[in-house]
Amino acid sequence: MDPTLETLGTSAFDNVYHVGHLVPDLLRAMETLGSAMQITWTPPFEMRSGFTRPDGSADDQAVRIAFSTSGPPYLELIEVVAAVDSIFAEPKAGGMHHVGYYAQRWRDDVTRLQDDGWEVERTGAGVAFLRDPSSGLRVEVVSFRGRDFLRRILDGSMAAAYPLTERP
């Protein structure tokens, strides 16, 4: 994969740039995984997800996130959201939450996946989460224009703009 994220591969898998994993406590996971796996992290941040469910209702929860500084693929840690109807709620089974990839024409890619039987779980500005019902794999299809969002995560400006809040 192009480490500068300037070009696209010929397939969606060639464009995988991160793997998302849900954790119960973001800061603790950053500490333990960082130590055990020698991972350094971008400054963590917290922002509203801004997602919409297929029925049109909002899934706009506060989400706490950190990315590894090395990649691609980057490791994205997402703190579990307490709302049971959030896409980032406690997982029913272990494992990774999603694989994220860039698509030049992300809406077309979402349509292609739906035509192949994948189910849309959430959509947002330049992003969609879909799940393959036969394998259970969830993907995050991200507009190629979303590269700037990743750059802002990696350079720390997301954390500066959206710092973590205190947890009760």
N, C-alpha and C. Protein backbone atom coordinates (compact mmCIF):
# COMPACT_ATOMS: atom_id res chain seq x y z
N MET A 1 0.84 -1.19 0.00
CA MET A 1 0.00 0.00 0.00
C MET A 1 0.87 1.23 0.00
N ASP A 2 0.40 2.24 -0.63
CA ASP A 2 1.10 3.51 -0.70
C ASP A 2 1.13 4.16 0.68
N PRO A 3 2.31 4.27 1.31
CA PRO A 3 2.36 4.84 2.66
C PRO A 3 1.95 6.31 2.72
N THR A 4 1.96 7.00 1.59
CA THR A 4 1.52 8.41 1.59
C THR A 4 0.03 8.53 1.34
N LEU A 5 -0.64 7.42 1.06
CA LEU A 5 -2.08 7.38 0.82
C LEU A 5 -2.49 8.28 -0.34
N GLU A 6 -1.61 8.41 -1.32
CA GLU A 6 -1.89 9.27 -2.47
C GLU A 6 -2.50 8.51 -3.64
N THR A 7 -2.30 7.22 -3.69
CA THR A 7 -2.85 6.44 -4.80
C THR A 7 -3.77 5.36 -4.24
N LEU A 8 -4.53 4.79 -5.11
CA LEU A 8 -5.42 3.70 -4.72
C LEU A 8 -4.99 2.42 -5.40
N GLY A 9 -5.18 1.31 -4.70
CA GLY A 9 -4.94 0.01 -5.30
C GLY A 9 -6.09 -0.37 -6.20
N THR A 10 -5.94 -1.51 -6.84
CA THR A 10 -6.97 -1.96 -7.78
C THR A 10 -8.13 -2.65 -7.09
N SER A 11 -7.97 -3.02 -5.84
CA SER A 11 -9.07 -3.65 -5.12
C SER A 11 -9.26 -2.97 -3.77
N ALA A 12 -10.44 -3.17 -3.19
CA ALA A 12 -10.71 -2.57 -1.88
C ALA A 12 -9.69 -3.02 -0.85
N PHE A 13 -9.31 -4.30 -0.88
CA PHE A 13 -8.39 -4.79 0.14
C PHE A 13 -7.03 -4.13 0.04
N ASP A 14 -6.62 -3.76 -1.16
CA ASP A 14 -5.36 -3.04 -1.32
C ASP A 14 -5.41 -1.66 -0.67
N ASN A 15 -6.60 -1.17 -0.40
CA ASN A 15 -6.78 0.16 0.17
C ASN A 15 -7.07 0.13 1.67
N VAL A 16 -6.92 -1.04 2.30
CA VAL A 16 -7.12 -1.13 3.75
C VAL A 16 -6.08 -0.25 4.42
N TYR A 17 -6.54 0.66 5.26
CA TYR A 17 -5.59 1.51 5.96
C TYR A 17 -5.71 1.41 7.46
N HIS A 18 -6.75 0.74 7.97
CA HIS A 18 -6.81 0.54 9.42
C HIS A 18 -7.71 -0.63 9.78
N VAL A 19 -7.47 -1.11 11.01
CA VAL A 19 -8.30 -2.13 11.62
C VAL A 19 -8.79 -1.55 12.93
N GLY A 20 -10.11 -1.54 13.12
CA GLY A 20 -10.71 -1.00 14.33
C GLY A 20 -10.98 -2.09 15.35
N HIS A 21 -10.68 -1.78 16.61
CA HIS A 21 -10.89 -2.74 17.69
C HIS A 21 -11.54 -2.02 18.87
N LEU A 22 -12.61 -2.60 19.41
CA LEU A 22 -13.28 -2.03 20.59
C LEU A 22 -12.55 -2.44 21.85
N VAL A 23 -12.42 -1.47 22.77
CA VAL A 23 -11.77 -1.73 24.05
C VAL A 23 -12.63 -1.14 25.17
N PRO A 24 -12.59 -1.74 26.37
CA PRO A 24 -13.42 -1.22 27.46
C PRO A 24 -12.92 0.11 28.02
N ASP A 25 -11.61 0.36 27.96
CA ASP A 25 -11.03 1.58 28.51
C ASP A 25 -9.91 2.01 27.57
N LEU A 26 -10.11 3.12 26.87
CA LEU A 26 -9.17 3.55 25.83
C LEU A 26 -7.77 3.79 26.37
N LEU A 27 -7.65 4.59 27.42
CA LEU A 27 -6.32 4.92 27.93
C LEU A 27 -5.60 3.69 28.47
N ARG A 28 -6.32 2.82 29.13
CA ARG A 28 -5.70 1.59 29.65
C ARG A 28 -5.25 0.70 28.49
N ALA A 29 -6.08 0.57 27.47
CA ALA A 29 -5.71 -0.25 26.31
C ALA A 29 -4.49 0.32 25.59
N MET A 30 -4.44 1.64 25.48
CA MET A 30 -3.27 2.27 24.86
C MET A 30 -2.01 1.93 25.65
N GLU A 31 -2.13 1.95 26.97
CA GLU A 31 -0.99 1.64 27.84
C GLU A 31 -0.57 0.18 27.70
N THR A 32 -1.52 -0.73 27.85
CA THR A 32 -1.16 -2.16 27.86
C THR A 32 -0.73 -2.64 26.48
N LEU A 33 -1.47 -2.27 25.44
CA LEU A 33 -1.08 -2.70 24.09
C LEU A 33 0.20 -2.01 23.64
N GLY A 34 0.35 -0.75 24.01
CA GLY A 34 1.57 -0.03 23.66
C GLY A 34 2.79 -0.70 24.26
N SER A 35 2.69 -1.07 25.53
CA SER A 35 3.80 -1.73 26.21
C SER A 35 4.06 -3.12 25.65
N ALA A 36 3.02 -3.90 25.53
CA ALA A 36 3.18 -5.29 25.10
C ALA A 36 3.63 -5.42 23.65
N MET A 37 3.10 -4.55 22.79
CA MET A 37 3.36 -4.68 21.35
C MET A 37 4.27 -3.59 20.80
N GLN A 38 4.80 -2.74 21.68
CA GLN A 38 5.68 -1.64 21.31
C GLN A 38 5.01 -0.72 20.28
N ILE A 39 3.77 -0.37 20.58
CA ILE A 39 3.00 0.52 19.72
C ILE A 39 3.01 1.91 20.33
N THR A 40 3.24 2.90 19.51
CA THR A 40 3.06 4.29 19.95
C THR A 40 1.75 4.77 19.35
N TRP A 41 1.13 5.71 20.05
CA TRP A 41 -0.22 6.14 19.71
C TRP A 41 -0.28 7.62 19.39
N THR A 42 -1.21 7.97 18.52
CA THR A 42 -1.53 9.37 18.33
C THR A 42 -2.22 9.85 19.61
N PRO A 43 -2.25 11.14 19.85
CA PRO A 43 -3.03 11.60 21.00
C PRO A 43 -4.49 11.20 20.82
N PRO A 44 -5.11 10.64 21.86
CA PRO A 44 -6.52 10.23 21.73
C PRO A 44 -7.43 11.44 21.63
N PHE A 45 -8.59 11.21 21.06
CA PHE A 45 -9.57 12.30 20.92
C PHE A 45 -10.96 11.75 21.13
N GLU A 46 -11.91 12.67 21.29
CA GLU A 46 -13.31 12.30 21.51
C GLU A 46 -14.18 13.21 20.66
N MET A 47 -15.08 12.60 19.90
CA MET A 47 -15.98 13.40 19.07
C MET A 47 -17.29 12.66 18.87
N ARG A 48 -18.28 13.36 18.38
CA ARG A 48 -19.57 12.74 18.07
C ARG A 48 -19.42 11.94 16.79
N SER A 49 -20.07 10.78 16.75
CA SER A 49 -19.96 9.92 15.57
C SER A 49 -20.71 10.48 14.37
N GLY A 50 -21.88 11.06 14.60
CA GLY A 50 -22.65 11.62 13.49
C GLY A 50 -23.22 10.59 12.54
N PHE A 51 -23.42 9.35 12.99
CA PHE A 51 -23.91 8.30 12.12
C PHE A 51 -25.43 8.28 12.06
N THR A 52 -25.92 7.67 10.99
CA THR A 52 -27.34 7.44 10.79
C THR A 52 -27.55 5.95 10.57
N ARG A 53 -28.59 5.40 11.19
CA ARG A 53 -28.95 4.00 11.00
C ARG A 53 -29.71 3.84 9.69
N PRO A 54 -29.84 2.62 9.19
CA PRO A 54 -30.59 2.41 7.95
C PRO A 54 -32.03 2.91 8.00
N ASP A 55 -32.64 2.93 9.20
CA ASP A 55 -34.01 3.42 9.31
C ASP A 55 -34.10 4.95 9.38
N GLY A 56 -32.96 5.61 9.31
CA GLY A 56 -32.93 7.08 9.33
C GLY A 56 -32.73 7.69 10.71
N SER A 57 -32.76 6.88 11.77
CA SER A 57 -32.55 7.40 13.11
C SER A 57 -31.07 7.66 13.36
N ALA A 58 -30.80 8.53 14.31
CA ALA A 58 -29.42 8.94 14.60
C ALA A 58 -28.73 7.97 15.54
N ASP A 59 -27.46 7.74 15.29
CA ASP A 59 -26.54 7.06 16.21
C ASP A 59 -25.37 8.03 16.37
N ASP A 60 -25.62 9.07 17.12
CA ASP A 60 -24.66 10.17 17.25
C ASP A 60 -24.13 10.21 18.68
N GLN A 61 -23.27 9.27 18.99
CA GLN A 61 -22.72 9.11 20.33
C GLN A 61 -21.34 9.75 20.43
N ALA A 62 -20.94 10.13 21.63
CA ALA A 62 -19.56 10.54 21.88
C ALA A 62 -18.69 9.29 21.79
N VAL A 63 -17.62 9.38 21.00
CA VAL A 63 -16.74 8.24 20.77
C VAL A 63 -15.30 8.66 21.08
N ARG A 64 -14.60 7.80 21.83
CA ARG A 64 -13.20 8.04 22.20
C ARG A 64 -12.32 7.13 21.35
N ILE A 65 -11.33 7.72 20.67
CA ILE A 65 -10.56 7.01 19.65
C ILE A 65 -9.07 7.34 19.76
N ALA A 66 -8.24 6.37 19.42
CA ALA A 66 -6.81 6.59 19.21
C ALA A 66 -6.35 5.68 18.08
N PHE A 67 -5.34 6.13 17.35
CA PHE A 67 -4.74 5.36 16.27
C PHE A 67 -3.27 5.11 16.59
N SER A 68 -2.76 3.99 16.12
CA SER A 68 -1.32 3.77 16.20
C SER A 68 -0.64 4.79 15.30
N THR A 69 0.60 5.13 15.62
CA THR A 69 1.33 6.09 14.78
C THR A 69 1.95 5.41 13.57
N SER A 70 2.10 4.09 13.63
CA SER A 70 2.68 3.39 12.50
C SER A 70 1.59 2.69 11.71
N GLY A 71 1.81 2.64 10.43
CA GLY A 71 0.86 2.02 9.52
C GLY A 71 1.13 2.54 8.13
N PRO A 72 0.33 2.28 7.17
CA PRO A 72 -0.84 1.43 7.23
C PRO A 72 -0.45 -0.05 7.21
N PRO A 73 -1.30 -0.90 7.69
CA PRO A 73 -2.57 -0.54 8.33
C PRO A 73 -2.34 -0.05 9.76
N TYR A 74 -3.11 0.94 10.13
CA TYR A 74 -3.09 1.49 11.48
C TYR A 74 -4.03 0.67 12.36
N LEU A 75 -3.73 0.63 13.65
CA LEU A 75 -4.63 0.02 14.60
C LEU A 75 -5.44 1.15 15.24
N GLU A 76 -6.75 1.08 15.11
CA GLU A 76 -7.64 2.06 15.70
C GLU A 76 -8.26 1.43 16.94
N LEU A 77 -8.12 2.10 18.08
CA LEU A 77 -8.79 1.67 19.30
C LEU A 77 -9.99 2.57 19.51
N ILE A 78 -11.14 1.96 19.80
CA ILE A 78 -12.39 2.68 20.03
C ILE A 78 -12.92 2.22 21.37
N GLU A 79 -13.16 3.18 22.27
CA GLU A 79 -13.72 2.80 23.56
C GLU A 79 -15.18 2.43 23.40
N VAL A 80 -15.57 1.33 24.04
CA VAL A 80 -16.96 0.87 23.99
C VAL A 80 -17.88 2.00 24.44
N VAL A 81 -18.96 2.20 23.69
CA VAL A 81 -19.98 3.20 24.02
C VAL A 81 -21.07 2.49 24.83
N ALA A 82 -21.48 3.12 25.94
CA ALA A 82 -22.44 2.48 26.86
C ALA A 82 -23.83 2.28 26.25
N ALA A 83 -24.22 3.07 25.28
CA ALA A 83 -25.55 2.94 24.67
C ALA A 83 -25.63 1.62 23.90
N VAL A 84 -26.58 0.78 24.27
CA VAL A 84 -26.67 -0.56 23.67
C VAL A 84 -26.98 -0.53 22.17
N ASP A 85 -27.55 0.57 21.68
CA ASP A 85 -27.89 0.64 20.26
C ASP A 85 -26.82 1.35 19.43
N SER A 86 -25.67 1.65 20.03
CA SER A 86 -24.56 2.26 19.30
C SER A 86 -23.84 1.21 18.48
N ILE A 87 -23.29 1.60 17.36
CA ILE A 87 -22.48 0.67 16.58
C ILE A 87 -21.21 0.31 17.35
N PHE A 88 -20.86 1.13 18.33
CA PHE A 88 -19.68 0.87 19.15
C PHE A 88 -20.04 0.34 20.54
N ALA A 89 -21.22 -0.29 20.66
CA ALA A 89 -21.63 -0.92 21.92
C ALA A 89 -20.77 -2.16 22.17
N GLU A 90 -20.86 -2.67 23.38
CA GLU A 90 -20.12 -3.88 23.74
C GLU A 90 -20.39 -4.97 22.71
N PRO A 91 -19.35 -5.55 22.15
CA PRO A 91 -19.56 -6.58 21.12
C PRO A 91 -20.16 -7.86 21.69
N LYS A 92 -20.96 -8.52 20.88
CA LYS A 92 -21.57 -9.78 21.28
C LYS A 92 -20.55 -10.91 21.29
N ALA A 93 -19.57 -10.78 20.44
CA ALA A 93 -18.50 -11.78 20.37
C ALA A 93 -17.17 -11.04 20.26
N GLY A 94 -16.11 -11.70 20.63
CA GLY A 94 -14.80 -11.08 20.58
C GLY A 94 -14.35 -10.82 19.15
N GLY A 95 -13.18 -10.26 19.02
CA GLY A 95 -12.60 -10.03 17.71
C GLY A 95 -12.59 -8.57 17.33
N MET A 96 -12.10 -8.33 16.16
CA MET A 96 -11.99 -6.94 15.71
C MET A 96 -13.37 -6.38 15.39
N HIS A 97 -13.46 -5.06 15.41
CA HIS A 97 -14.73 -4.40 15.13
C HIS A 97 -14.94 -4.21 13.63
N HIS A 98 -13.90 -3.75 12.92
CA HIS A 98 -14.04 -3.51 11.49
C HIS A 98 -12.69 -3.39 10.80
N VAL A 99 -12.74 -3.49 9.48
CA VAL A 99 -11.61 -3.19 8.61
C VAL A 99 -12.01 -1.95 7.82
N GLY A 100 -11.16 -0.94 7.84
CA GLY A 100 -11.47 0.29 7.13
C GLY A 100 -10.65 0.44 5.87
N TYR A 101 -11.33 0.81 4.79
CA TYR A 101 -10.60 1.02 3.54
C TYR A 101 -11.15 2.24 2.80
N TYR A 102 -10.26 2.80 1.98
CA TYR A 102 -10.63 3.95 1.15
C TYR A 102 -11.23 3.48 -0.17
N ALA A 103 -12.19 4.23 -0.65
CA ALA A 103 -12.79 3.97 -1.96
C ALA A 103 -12.86 5.28 -2.73
N GLN A 104 -12.43 5.24 -3.96
CA GLN A 104 -12.46 6.43 -4.80
C GLN A 104 -13.89 6.95 -4.94
N ARG A 105 -14.82 6.03 -5.16
CA ARG A 105 -16.24 6.38 -5.27
C ARG A 105 -16.97 5.56 -4.21
N TRP A 106 -16.92 6.04 -2.97
CA TRP A 106 -17.38 5.25 -1.83
C TRP A 106 -18.85 4.87 -1.91
N ARG A 107 -19.69 5.77 -2.41
CA ARG A 107 -21.11 5.43 -2.54
C ARG A 107 -21.32 4.27 -3.52
N ASP A 108 -20.55 4.27 -4.60
CA ASP A 108 -20.63 3.17 -5.55
C ASP A 108 -20.16 1.86 -4.91
N ASP A 109 -19.13 1.95 -4.06
CA ASP A 109 -18.66 0.75 -3.40
C ASP A 109 -19.68 0.23 -2.40
N VAL A 110 -20.37 1.13 -1.70
CA VAL A 110 -21.43 0.72 -0.79
C VAL A 110 -22.53 0.00 -1.58
N THR A 111 -22.91 0.55 -2.70
CA THR A 111 -23.94 -0.07 -3.55
C THR A 111 -23.48 -1.44 -4.04
N ARG A 112 -22.22 -1.54 -4.44
CA ARG A 112 -21.67 -2.82 -4.91
C ARG A 112 -21.76 -3.87 -3.81
N LEU A 113 -21.37 -3.49 -2.60
CA LEU A 113 -21.43 -4.44 -1.48
C LEU A 113 -22.87 -4.83 -1.16
N GLN A 114 -23.77 -3.84 -1.18
CA GLN A 114 -25.19 -4.16 -0.93
C GLN A 114 -25.71 -5.12 -2.00
N ASP A 115 -25.33 -4.89 -3.24
CA ASP A 115 -25.76 -5.79 -4.32
C ASP A 115 -25.24 -7.21 -4.10
N ASP A 116 -24.11 -7.33 -3.37
CA ASP A 116 -23.53 -8.63 -3.05
C ASP A 116 -24.09 -9.21 -1.75
N GLY A 117 -25.10 -8.52 -1.14
CA GLY A 117 -25.75 -9.04 0.05
C GLY A 117 -25.27 -8.46 1.37
N TRP A 118 -24.32 -7.53 1.34
CA TRP A 118 -23.86 -6.90 2.57
C TRP A 118 -24.94 -5.97 3.10
N GLU A 119 -25.00 -5.84 4.42
CA GLU A 119 -26.03 -5.02 5.06
C GLU A 119 -25.42 -3.72 5.58
N VAL A 120 -26.04 -2.60 5.20
CA VAL A 120 -25.59 -1.30 5.71
C VAL A 120 -26.00 -1.20 7.18
N GLU A 121 -25.03 -0.86 8.03
CA GLU A 121 -25.32 -0.69 9.46
C GLU A 121 -25.38 0.79 9.85
N ARG A 122 -24.47 1.59 9.31
CA ARG A 122 -24.44 3.02 9.60
C ARG A 122 -23.86 3.75 8.41
N THR A 123 -24.29 5.00 8.27
CA THR A 123 -23.68 5.89 7.29
C THR A 123 -23.37 7.21 7.97
N GLY A 124 -22.46 7.95 7.38
CA GLY A 124 -22.08 9.26 7.88
C GLY A 124 -21.49 10.06 6.74
N ALA A 125 -20.86 11.16 7.07
CA ALA A 125 -20.26 12.02 6.05
C ALA A 125 -19.04 11.31 5.44
N GLY A 126 -19.21 10.80 4.25
CA GLY A 126 -18.12 10.14 3.54
C GLY A 126 -17.73 8.77 4.08
N VAL A 127 -18.65 8.13 4.79
CA VAL A 127 -18.32 6.85 5.40
C VAL A 127 -19.57 5.98 5.53
N ALA A 128 -19.37 4.67 5.47
CA ALA A 128 -20.46 3.72 5.71
C ALA A 128 -19.87 2.46 6.34
N PHE A 129 -20.61 1.90 7.29
CA PHE A 129 -20.27 0.61 7.88
C PHE A 129 -21.23 -0.41 7.29
N LEU A 130 -20.67 -1.52 6.79
CA LEU A 130 -21.47 -2.61 6.24
C LEU A 130 -20.98 -3.92 6.83
N ARG A 131 -21.88 -4.89 6.92
CA ARG A 131 -21.52 -6.21 7.45
C ARG A 131 -21.94 -7.27 6.45
N ASP A 132 -21.04 -8.24 6.27
CA ASP A 132 -21.32 -9.41 5.46
C ASP A 132 -22.04 -10.42 6.33
N PRO A 133 -23.31 -10.73 6.05
CA PRO A 133 -24.06 -11.63 6.93
C PRO A 133 -23.51 -13.05 6.97
N SER A 134 -22.82 -13.48 5.94
CA SER A 134 -22.33 -14.86 5.94
C SER A 134 -21.05 -15.03 6.76
N SER A 135 -20.18 -14.02 6.79
CA SER A 135 -18.93 -14.14 7.54
C SER A 135 -18.93 -13.33 8.83
N GLY A 136 -19.81 -12.34 8.91
CA GLY A 136 -19.84 -11.45 10.07
C GLY A 136 -18.85 -10.31 9.98
N LEU A 137 -18.02 -10.27 8.94
CA LEU A 137 -17.02 -9.20 8.81
C LEU A 137 -17.71 -7.86 8.58
N ARG A 138 -17.26 -6.86 9.31
CA ARG A 138 -17.75 -5.49 9.12
C ARG A 138 -16.63 -4.68 8.46
N VAL A 139 -17.01 -3.89 7.47
CA VAL A 139 -16.06 -2.97 6.84
C VAL A 139 -16.54 -1.54 7.02
N GLU A 140 -15.59 -0.65 7.05
CA GLU A 140 -15.86 0.78 7.04
C GLU A 140 -15.35 1.30 5.70
N VAL A 141 -16.26 1.66 4.82
CA VAL A 141 -15.91 2.20 3.51
C VAL A 141 -15.79 3.71 3.68
N VAL A 142 -14.61 4.24 3.37
CA VAL A 142 -14.33 5.66 3.60
C VAL A 142 -14.02 6.33 2.28
N SER A 143 -14.61 7.49 2.07
CA SER A 143 -14.30 8.27 0.88
C SER A 143 -12.81 8.57 0.82
N PHE A 144 -12.25 8.47 -0.36
CA PHE A 144 -10.84 8.79 -0.58
C PHE A 144 -10.53 10.19 -0.06
N ARG A 145 -11.52 11.06 -0.07
CA ARG A 145 -11.32 12.41 0.46
C ARG A 145 -11.09 12.42 1.96
N GLY A 146 -11.39 11.32 2.63
CA GLY A 146 -11.20 11.21 4.07
C GLY A 146 -9.75 11.11 4.50
N ARG A 147 -8.83 11.11 3.55
CA ARG A 147 -7.41 11.07 3.91
C ARG A 147 -7.03 12.23 4.80
N ASP A 148 -7.64 13.40 4.60
CA ASP A 148 -7.32 14.55 5.44
C ASP A 148 -7.69 14.29 6.90
N PHE A 149 -8.80 13.60 7.13
CA PHE A 149 -9.20 13.25 8.49
C PHE A 149 -8.12 12.41 9.16
N LEU A 150 -7.58 11.42 8.45
CA LEU A 150 -6.51 10.59 8.99
C LEU A 150 -5.27 11.43 9.25
N ARG A 151 -4.93 12.30 8.34
CA ARG A 151 -3.76 13.17 8.56
C ARG A 151 -3.92 14.00 9.83
N ARG A 152 -5.14 14.49 10.07
CA ARG A 152 -5.40 15.28 11.28
C ARG A 152 -5.30 14.43 12.54
N ILE A 153 -5.66 13.16 12.45
CA ILE A 153 -5.47 12.24 13.58
C ILE A 153 -3.98 12.05 13.83
N LEU A 154 -3.24 11.76 12.77
CA LEU A 154 -1.82 11.43 12.91
C LEU A 154 -0.99 12.62 13.36
N ASP A 155 -1.36 13.83 12.97
CA ASP A 155 -0.56 15.00 13.38
C ASP A 155 -1.00 15.59 14.72
N GLY A 156 -2.04 15.00 15.33
CA GLY A 156 -2.48 15.43 16.65
C GLY A 156 -3.50 16.56 16.66
N SER A 157 -3.85 17.08 15.50
CA SER A 157 -4.79 18.21 15.49
C SER A 157 -6.21 17.79 15.86
N MET A 158 -6.58 16.52 15.64
CA MET A 158 -7.90 16.06 16.09
C MET A 158 -7.97 16.08 17.62
N ALA A 159 -6.90 15.62 18.27
CA ALA A 159 -6.88 15.61 19.73
C ALA A 159 -6.89 17.04 20.27
N ALA A 160 -6.23 17.95 19.58
CA ALA A 160 -6.23 19.34 20.03
C ALA A 160 -7.63 19.96 19.90
N ALA A 161 -8.31 19.61 18.81
CA ALA A 161 -9.65 20.16 18.57
C ALA A 161 -10.73 19.44 19.38
N TYR A 162 -10.54 18.15 19.64
CA TYR A 162 -11.55 17.33 20.32
C TYR A 162 -10.91 16.52 21.46
N PRO A 163 -10.48 17.19 22.53
CA PRO A 163 -9.80 16.47 23.62
C PRO A 163 -10.75 15.52 24.35
N LEU A 164 -10.15 14.53 24.98
CA LEU A 164 -10.95 13.60 25.79
C LEU A 164 -11.59 14.35 26.95
N THR A 165 -12.81 13.96 27.28
CA THR A 165 -13.48 14.51 28.46
C THR A 165 -13.26 13.55 29.62
N GLU A 166 -13.52 14.02 30.81
CA GLU A 166 -13.41 13.16 32.00
C GLU A 166 -14.54 12.15 31.98
N ARG A 167 -14.22 10.93 32.40
CA ARG A 167 -15.23 9.89 32.53
C ARG A 167 -15.73 9.88 33.98
N PRO A 168 -17.04 9.69 34.17
CA PRO A 168 -17.56 9.66 35.56
C PRO A 168 -16.98 8.50 36.35
